[in-house]
Amino acid sequence: FWLEAFNGDGTFSYDRITRDDVYIPSNTVS
């Protein structure tokens, strides 16, 4: 997640069996 957050222009999603799926439409973190 953090490696992709550096670019600031992408999305990110978690697909988990034991938890609700997580979709991050704006993966931008300084």
ModelCIF file with pLDDT and N, C-alpha, C, O atoms, coordinates in Angstrom:
data_MODEL
#
_entry.id   MODEL 
#
_entity.id                         1 
_entity.type                       polymer 
_entity.pdbx_number_of_molecules   1 
#
_entity_poly.entity_id                      1 
_entity_poly.type                           'polypeptide(L)' 
_entity_poly.nstd_linkage                   no 
_entity_poly.nstd_monomer                   no 
_entity_poly.pdbx_seq_one_letter_code       FWLEAFNGDGTFSYDRITRDDVYIPSNTVS 
_entity_poly.pdbx_seq_one_letter_code_can   FWLEAFNGDGTFSYDRITRDDVYIPSNTVS 
_entity_poly.pdbx_strand_id                 A 
#
loop_
_entity_poly_seq.entity_id 
_entity_poly_seq.num 
_entity_poly_seq.mon_id 
_entity_poly_seq.hetero 
1 1  PHE n 
1 2  TRP n 
1 3  LEU n 
1 4  GLU n 
1 5  ALA n 
1 6  PHE n 
1 7  ASN n 
1 8  GLY n 
1 9  ASP n 
1 10 GLY n 
1 11 THR n 
1 12 PHE n 
1 13 SER n 
1 14 TYR n 
1 15 ASP n 
1 16 ARG n 
1 17 ILE n 
1 18 THR n 
1 19 ARG n 
1 20 ASP n 
1 21 ASP n 
1 22 VAL n 
1 23 TYR n 
1 24 ILE n 
1 25 PRO n 
1 26 SER n 
1 27 ASN n 
1 28 THR n 
1 29 VAL n 
1 30 SER n 
#
_struct_asym.id          A 
_struct_asym.entity_id   1 
#
loop_
_ma_qa_metric.id 
_ma_qa_metric.mode 
_ma_qa_metric.name 
_ma_qa_metric.software_group_id 
_ma_qa_metric.type 
1 global pLDDT . pLDDT 
2 local  pLDDT . pLDDT 
#
_ma_qa_metric_global.metric_id      1 
_ma_qa_metric_global.metric_value   69.07 
_ma_qa_metric_global.model_id       1 
_ma_qa_metric_global.ordinal_id     1 
#
loop_
_ma_qa_metric_local.label_asym_id 
_ma_qa_metric_local.label_comp_id 
_ma_qa_metric_local.label_seq_id 
_ma_qa_metric_local.metric_id 
_ma_qa_metric_local.metric_value 
_ma_qa_metric_local.model_id 
_ma_qa_metric_local.ordinal_id 
A PHE 1  2 79.00 1 1  
A TRP 2  2 81.00 1 2  
A LEU 3  2 79.00 1 3  
A GLU 4  2 79.00 1 4  
A ALA 5  2 77.00 1 5  
A PHE 6  2 78.00 1 6  
A ASN 7  2 78.00 1 7  
A GLY 8  2 68.00 1 8  
A ASP 9  2 70.00 1 9  
A GLY 10 2 66.00 1 10 
A THR 11 2 67.00 1 11 
A PHE 12 2 65.00 1 12 
A SER 13 2 63.00 1 13 
A TYR 14 2 60.00 1 14 
A ASP 15 2 55.00 1 15 
A ARG 16 2 55.00 1 16 
A ILE 17 2 44.00 1 17 
A THR 18 2 45.00 1 18 
A ARG 19 2 54.00 1 19 
A ASP 20 2 58.00 1 20 
A ASP 21 2 61.00 1 21 
A VAL 22 2 61.00 1 22 
A TYR 23 2 67.00 1 23 
A ILE 24 2 70.00 1 24 
A PRO 25 2 70.00 1 25 
A SER 26 2 74.00 1 26 
A ASN 27 2 80.00 1 27 
A THR 28 2 87.00 1 28 
A VAL 29 2 89.00 1 29 
A SER 30 2 92.00 1 30 
#
loop_
_atom_site.group_PDB 
_atom_site.id 
_atom_site.type_symbol 
_atom_site.label_atom_id 
_atom_site.label_alt_id 
_atom_site.label_comp_id 
_atom_site.label_asym_id 
_atom_site.label_entity_id 
_atom_site.label_seq_id 
_atom_site.pdbx_PDB_ins_code 
_atom_site.Cartn_x 
_atom_site.Cartn_y 
_atom_site.Cartn_z 
_atom_site.occupancy 
_atom_site.B_iso_or_equiv 
_atom_site.pdbx_formal_charge 
_atom_site.auth_seq_id 
_atom_site.auth_comp_id 
_atom_site.auth_asym_id 
_atom_site.auth_atom_id 
_atom_site.pdbx_PDB_model_num 
ATOM 1   N N  . PHE A 1 1  ? 0.829   -1.206  0.000  1.00 79.00 ? 1  PHE A N  1 
ATOM 2   C CA . PHE A 1 1  ? 0.000   0.000   0.000  1.00 79.00 ? 1  PHE A CA 1 
ATOM 3   C C  . PHE A 1 1  ? 0.863   1.256   0.000  1.00 79.00 ? 1  PHE A C  1 
ATOM 4   O O  . PHE A 1 1  ? 0.625   2.180   -0.777 1.00 79.00 ? 1  PHE A O  1 
ATOM 5   N N  . TRP A 1 2  ? 1.871   1.284   0.881  1.00 81.00 ? 2  TRP A N  1 
ATOM 6   C CA . TRP A 1 2  ? 2.693   2.476   1.001  1.00 81.00 ? 2  TRP A CA 1 
ATOM 7   C C  . TRP A 1 2  ? 3.569   2.696   -0.233 1.00 81.00 ? 2  TRP A C  1 
ATOM 8   O O  . TRP A 1 2  ? 3.789   3.837   -0.640 1.00 81.00 ? 2  TRP A O  1 
ATOM 9   N N  . LEU A 1 3  ? 4.060   1.632   -0.818 1.00 79.00 ? 3  LEU A N  1 
ATOM 10  C CA . LEU A 1 3  ? 4.869   1.778   -2.019 1.00 79.00 ? 3  LEU A CA 1 
ATOM 11  C C  . LEU A 1 3  ? 4.056   2.422   -3.145 1.00 79.00 ? 3  LEU A C  1 
ATOM 12  O O  . LEU A 1 3  ? 4.587   3.202   -3.935 1.00 79.00 ? 3  LEU A O  1 
ATOM 13  N N  . GLU A 1 4  ? 2.772   2.091   -3.208 1.00 79.00 ? 4  GLU A N  1 
ATOM 14  C CA . GLU A 1 4  ? 1.917   2.675   -4.229 1.00 79.00 ? 4  GLU A CA 1 
ATOM 15  C C  . GLU A 1 4  ? 1.405   4.050   -3.820 1.00 79.00 ? 4  GLU A C  1 
ATOM 16  O O  . GLU A 1 4  ? 1.116   4.887   -4.676 1.00 79.00 ? 4  GLU A O  1 
ATOM 17  N N  . ALA A 1 5  ? 1.291   4.285   -2.514 1.00 77.00 ? 5  ALA A N  1 
ATOM 18  C CA . ALA A 1 5  ? 0.802   5.588   -2.039 1.00 77.00 ? 5  ALA A CA 1 
ATOM 19  C C  . ALA A 1 5  ? 1.760   6.707   -2.396 1.00 77.00 ? 5  ALA A C  1 
ATOM 20  O O  . ALA A 1 5  ? 1.354   7.863   -2.513 1.00 77.00 ? 5  ALA A O  1 
ATOM 21  N N  . PHE A 1 6  ? 3.041   6.367   -2.571 1.00 78.00 ? 6  PHE A N  1 
ATOM 22  C CA . PHE A 1 6  ? 4.041   7.384   -2.889 1.00 78.00 ? 6  PHE A CA 1 
ATOM 23  C C  . PHE A 1 6  ? 3.719   8.094   -4.203 1.00 78.00 ? 6  PHE A C  1 
ATOM 24  O O  . PHE A 1 6  ? 3.883   9.310   -4.303 1.00 78.00 ? 6  PHE A O  1 
ATOM 25  N N  . ASN A 1 7  ? 3.265   7.350   -5.207 1.00 78.00 ? 7  ASN A N  1 
ATOM 26  C CA . ASN A 1 7  ? 2.994   7.966   -6.510 1.00 78.00 ? 7  ASN A CA 1 
ATOM 27  C C  . ASN A 1 7  ? 1.851   8.957   -6.432 1.00 78.00 ? 7  ASN A C  1 
ATOM 28  O O  . ASN A 1 7  ? 1.856   9.973   -7.127 1.00 78.00 ? 7  ASN A O  1 
ATOM 29  N N  . GLY A 1 8  ? 0.867   8.668   -5.587 1.00 68.00 ? 8  GLY A N  1 
ATOM 30  C CA . GLY A 1 8  ? -0.206  9.628   -5.360 1.00 68.00 ? 8  GLY A CA 1 
ATOM 31  C C  . GLY A 1 8  ? -1.281  9.670   -6.414 1.00 68.00 ? 8  GLY A C  1 
ATOM 32  O O  . GLY A 1 8  ? -2.231  10.443  -6.287 1.00 68.00 ? 8  GLY A O  1 
ATOM 33  N N  . ASP A 1 9  ? -1.165  8.856   -7.464 1.00 70.00 ? 9  ASP A N  1 
ATOM 34  C CA . ASP A 1 9  ? -2.133  8.962   -8.554 1.00 70.00 ? 9  ASP A CA 1 
ATOM 35  C C  . ASP A 1 9  ? -2.916  7.671   -8.786 1.00 70.00 ? 9  ASP A C  1 
ATOM 36  O O  . ASP A 1 9  ? -3.558  7.507   -9.823 1.00 70.00 ? 9  ASP A O  1 
ATOM 37  N N  . GLY A 1 10 ? -2.860  6.753   -7.813 1.00 66.00 ? 10 GLY A N  1 
ATOM 38  C CA . GLY A 1 10 ? -3.507  5.463   -8.030 1.00 66.00 ? 10 GLY A CA 1 
ATOM 39  C C  . GLY A 1 10 ? -4.599  5.172   -7.027 1.00 66.00 ? 10 GLY A C  1 
ATOM 40  O O  . GLY A 1 10 ? -4.958  6.008   -6.197 1.00 66.00 ? 10 GLY A O  1 
ATOM 41  N N  . THR A 1 11 ? -5.117  3.962   -7.128 1.00 67.00 ? 11 THR A N  1 
ATOM 42  C CA . THR A 1 11 ? -6.112  3.453   -6.190 1.00 67.00 ? 11 THR A CA 1 
ATOM 43  C C  . THR A 1 11 ? -5.513  2.235   -5.499 1.00 67.00 ? 11 THR A C  1 
ATOM 44  O O  . THR A 1 11 ? -4.419  1.790   -5.847 1.00 67.00 ? 11 THR A O  1 
ATOM 45  N N  . PHE A 1 12 ? -6.228  1.705   -4.527 1.00 65.00 ? 12 PHE A N  1 
ATOM 46  C CA . PHE A 1 12 ? -5.752  0.508   -3.836 1.00 65.00 ? 12 PHE A CA 1 
ATOM 47  C C  . PHE A 1 12 ? -6.941  -0.230  -3.274 1.00 65.00 ? 12 PHE A C  1 
ATOM 48  O O  . PHE A 1 12 ? -7.906  0.383   -2.817 1.00 65.00 ? 12 PHE A O  1 
ATOM 49  N N  . SER A 1 13 ? -6.873  -1.550  -3.307 1.00 63.00 ? 13 SER A N  1 
ATOM 50  C CA . SER A 1 13 ? -7.980  -2.337  -2.780 1.00 63.00 ? 13 SER A CA 1 
ATOM 51  C C  . SER A 1 13 ? -7.464  -3.521  -1.992 1.00 63.00 ? 13 SER A C  1 
ATOM 52  O O  . SER A 1 13 ? -6.440  -4.116  -2.329 1.00 63.00 ? 13 SER A O  1 
ATOM 53  N N  . TYR A 1 14 ? -8.191  -3.853  -0.935 1.00 60.00 ? 14 TYR A N  1 
ATOM 54  C CA . TYR A 1 14 ? -7.936  -5.036  -0.118 1.00 60.00 ? 14 TYR A CA 1 
ATOM 55  C C  . TYR A 1 14 ? -9.057  -6.034  -0.399 1.00 60.00 ? 14 TYR A C  1 
ATOM 56  O O  . TYR A 1 14 ? -10.235 -5.676  -0.380 1.00 60.00 ? 14 TYR A O  1 
ATOM 57  N N  . ASP A 1 15 ? -8.693  -7.250  -0.654 1.00 55.00 ? 15 ASP A N  1 
ATOM 58  C CA . ASP A 1 15 ? -9.691  -8.313  -0.791 1.00 55.00 ? 15 ASP A CA 1 
ATOM 59  C C  . ASP A 1 15 ? -9.390  -9.348  0.284  1.00 55.00 ? 15 ASP A C  1 
ATOM 60  O O  . ASP A 1 15 ? -8.436  -10.119 0.180  1.00 55.00 ? 15 ASP A O  1 
ATOM 61  N N  . ARG A 1 16 ? -10.214 -9.348  1.305  1.00 55.00 ? 16 ARG A N  1 
ATOM 62  C CA . ARG A 1 16 ? -9.988  -10.221 2.455  1.00 55.00 ? 16 ARG A CA 1 
ATOM 63  C C  . ARG A 1 16 ? -11.110 -11.239 2.588  1.00 55.00 ? 16 ARG A C  1 
ATOM 64  O O  . ARG A 1 16 ? -12.249 -10.963 2.212  1.00 55.00 ? 16 ARG A O  1 
ATOM 65  N N  . ILE A 1 17 ? -10.798 -12.399 3.112  1.00 44.00 ? 17 ILE A N  1 
ATOM 66  C CA . ILE A 1 17 ? -11.817 -13.416 3.371  1.00 44.00 ? 17 ILE A CA 1 
ATOM 67  C C  . ILE A 1 17 ? -12.509 -13.142 4.695  1.00 44.00 ? 17 ILE A C  1 
ATOM 68  O O  . ILE A 1 17 ? -13.727 -13.276 4.815  1.00 44.00 ? 17 ILE A O  1 
ATOM 69  N N  . THR A 1 18 ? -11.713 -12.756 5.691  1.00 45.00 ? 18 THR A N  1 
ATOM 70  C CA . THR A 1 18 ? -12.247 -12.617 7.043  1.00 45.00 ? 18 THR A CA 1 
ATOM 71  C C  . THR A 1 18 ? -12.732 -11.200 7.343  1.00 45.00 ? 18 THR A C  1 
ATOM 72  O O  . THR A 1 18 ? -13.317 -10.960 8.400  1.00 45.00 ? 18 THR A O  1 
ATOM 73  N N  . ARG A 1 19 ? -12.494 -10.254 6.422  1.00 54.00 ? 19 ARG A N  1 
ATOM 74  C CA . ARG A 1 19 ? -12.936 -8.881  6.661  1.00 54.00 ? 19 ARG A CA 1 
ATOM 75  C C  . ARG A 1 19 ? -13.649 -8.358  5.422  1.00 54.00 ? 19 ARG A C  1 
ATOM 76  O O  . ARG A 1 19 ? -13.595 -8.960  4.350  1.00 54.00 ? 19 ARG A O  1 
ATOM 77  N N  . ASP A 1 20 ? -14.319 -7.224  5.595  1.00 58.00 ? 20 ASP A N  1 
ATOM 78  C CA . ASP A 1 20 ? -14.937 -6.585  4.444  1.00 58.00 ? 20 ASP A CA 1 
ATOM 79  C C  . ASP A 1 20 ? -13.838 -6.099  3.498  1.00 58.00 ? 20 ASP A C  1 
ATOM 80  O O  . ASP A 1 20 ? -12.765 -5.684  3.936  1.00 58.00 ? 20 ASP A O  1 
ATOM 81  N N  . ASP A 1 21 ? -14.123 -6.159  2.195  1.00 61.00 ? 21 ASP A N  1 
ATOM 82  C CA . ASP A 1 21 ? -13.173 -5.650  1.224  1.00 61.00 ? 21 ASP A CA 1 
ATOM 83  C C  . ASP A 1 21 ? -13.021 -4.143  1.411  1.00 61.00 ? 21 ASP A C  1 
ATOM 84  O O  . ASP A 1 21 ? -13.965 -3.448  1.787  1.00 61.00 ? 21 ASP A O  1 
ATOM 85  N N  . VAL A 1 22 ? -11.804 -3.654  1.138  1.00 61.00 ? 22 VAL A N  1 
ATOM 86  C CA . VAL A 1 22 ? -11.520 -2.232  1.289  1.00 61.00 ? 22 VAL A CA 1 
ATOM 87  C C  . VAL A 1 22 ? -11.061 -1.692  -0.053 1.00 61.00 ? 22 VAL A C  1 
ATOM 88  O O  . VAL A 1 22 ? -10.107 -2.200  -0.641 1.00 61.00 ? 22 VAL A O  1 
ATOM 89  N N  . TYR A 1 23 ? -11.739 -0.666  -0.534 1.00 67.00 ? 23 TYR A N  1 
ATOM 90  C CA . TYR A 1 23 ? -11.343 -0.019  -1.789 1.00 67.00 ? 23 TYR A CA 1 
ATOM 91  C C  . TYR A 1 23 ? -10.998 1.433   -1.498 1.00 67.00 ? 23 TYR A C  1 
ATOM 92  O O  . TYR A 1 23 ? -11.814 2.176   -0.953 1.00 67.00 ? 23 TYR A O  1 
ATOM 93  N N  . ILE A 1 24 ? -9.788  1.833   -1.865 1.00 70.00 ? 24 ILE A N  1 
ATOM 94  C CA . ILE A 1 24 ? -9.317  3.198   -1.637 1.00 70.00 ? 24 ILE A CA 1 
ATOM 95  C C  . ILE A 1 24 ? -9.226  3.894   -2.989 1.00 70.00 ? 24 ILE A C  1 
ATOM 96  O O  . ILE A 1 24 ? -8.283  3.645   -3.740 1.00 70.00 ? 24 ILE A O  1 
ATOM 97  N N  . PRO A 1 25 ? -10.177 4.755   -3.315 1.00 70.00 ? 25 PRO A N  1 
ATOM 98  C CA . PRO A 1 25 ? -10.194 5.366   -4.647 1.00 70.00 ? 25 PRO A CA 1 
ATOM 99  C C  . PRO A 1 25 ? -9.078  6.373   -4.878 1.00 70.00 ? 25 PRO A C  1 
ATOM 100 O O  . PRO A 1 25 ? -8.717  6.650   -6.022 1.00 70.00 ? 25 PRO A O  1 
ATOM 101 N N  . SER A 1 26 ? -8.534  6.917   -3.810 1.00 74.00 ? 26 SER A N  1 
ATOM 102 C CA . SER A 1 26 ? -7.494  7.940   -3.940 1.00 74.00 ? 26 SER A CA 1 
ATOM 103 C C  . SER A 1 26 ? -6.365  7.622   -2.969 1.00 74.00 ? 26 SER A C  1 
ATOM 104 O O  . SER A 1 26 ? -6.415  8.005   -1.800 1.00 74.00 ? 26 SER A O  1 
ATOM 105 N N  . ASN A 1 27 ? -5.362  6.928   -3.453 1.00 80.00 ? 27 ASN A N  1 
ATOM 106 C CA . ASN A 1 27 ? -4.265  6.488   -2.593 1.00 80.00 ? 27 ASN A CA 1 
ATOM 107 C C  . ASN A 1 27 ? -3.132  7.516   -2.648 1.00 80.00 ? 27 ASN A C  1 
ATOM 108 O O  . ASN A 1 27 ? -2.143  7.326   -3.355 1.00 80.00 ? 27 ASN A O  1 
ATOM 109 N N  . THR A 1 28 ? -3.290  8.596   -1.899 1.00 87.00 ? 28 THR A N  1 
ATOM 110 C CA . THR A 1 28 ? -2.332  9.705   -1.912 1.00 87.00 ? 28 THR A CA 1 
ATOM 111 C C  . THR A 1 28 ? -1.990  10.083  -0.478 1.00 87.00 ? 28 THR A C  1 
ATOM 112 O O  . THR A 1 28 ? -2.786  10.729  0.204  1.00 87.00 ? 28 THR A O  1 
ATOM 113 N N  . VAL A 1 29 ? -0.813  9.684   -0.024 1.00 89.00 ? 29 VAL A N  1 
ATOM 114 C CA . VAL A 1 29 ? -0.393  9.975   1.344  1.00 89.00 ? 29 VAL A CA 1 
ATOM 115 C C  . VAL A 1 29 ? 1.043   10.465  1.345  1.00 89.00 ? 29 VAL A C  1 
ATOM 116 O O  . VAL A 1 29 ? 1.951   9.748   0.924  1.00 89.00 ? 29 VAL A O  1 
ATOM 117 N N  . SER A 1 30 ? 1.248   11.684  1.817  1.00 92.00 ? 30 SER A N  1 
ATOM 118 C CA . SER A 1 30 ? 2.602   12.180  2.055  1.00 92.00 ? 30 SER A CA 1 
ATOM 119 C C  . SER A 1 30 ? 3.088   11.633  3.390  1.00 92.00 ? 30 SER A C  1 
ATOM 120 O O  . SER A 1 30 ? 4.212   11.919  3.802  1.00 92.00 ? 30 SER A O  1 
#
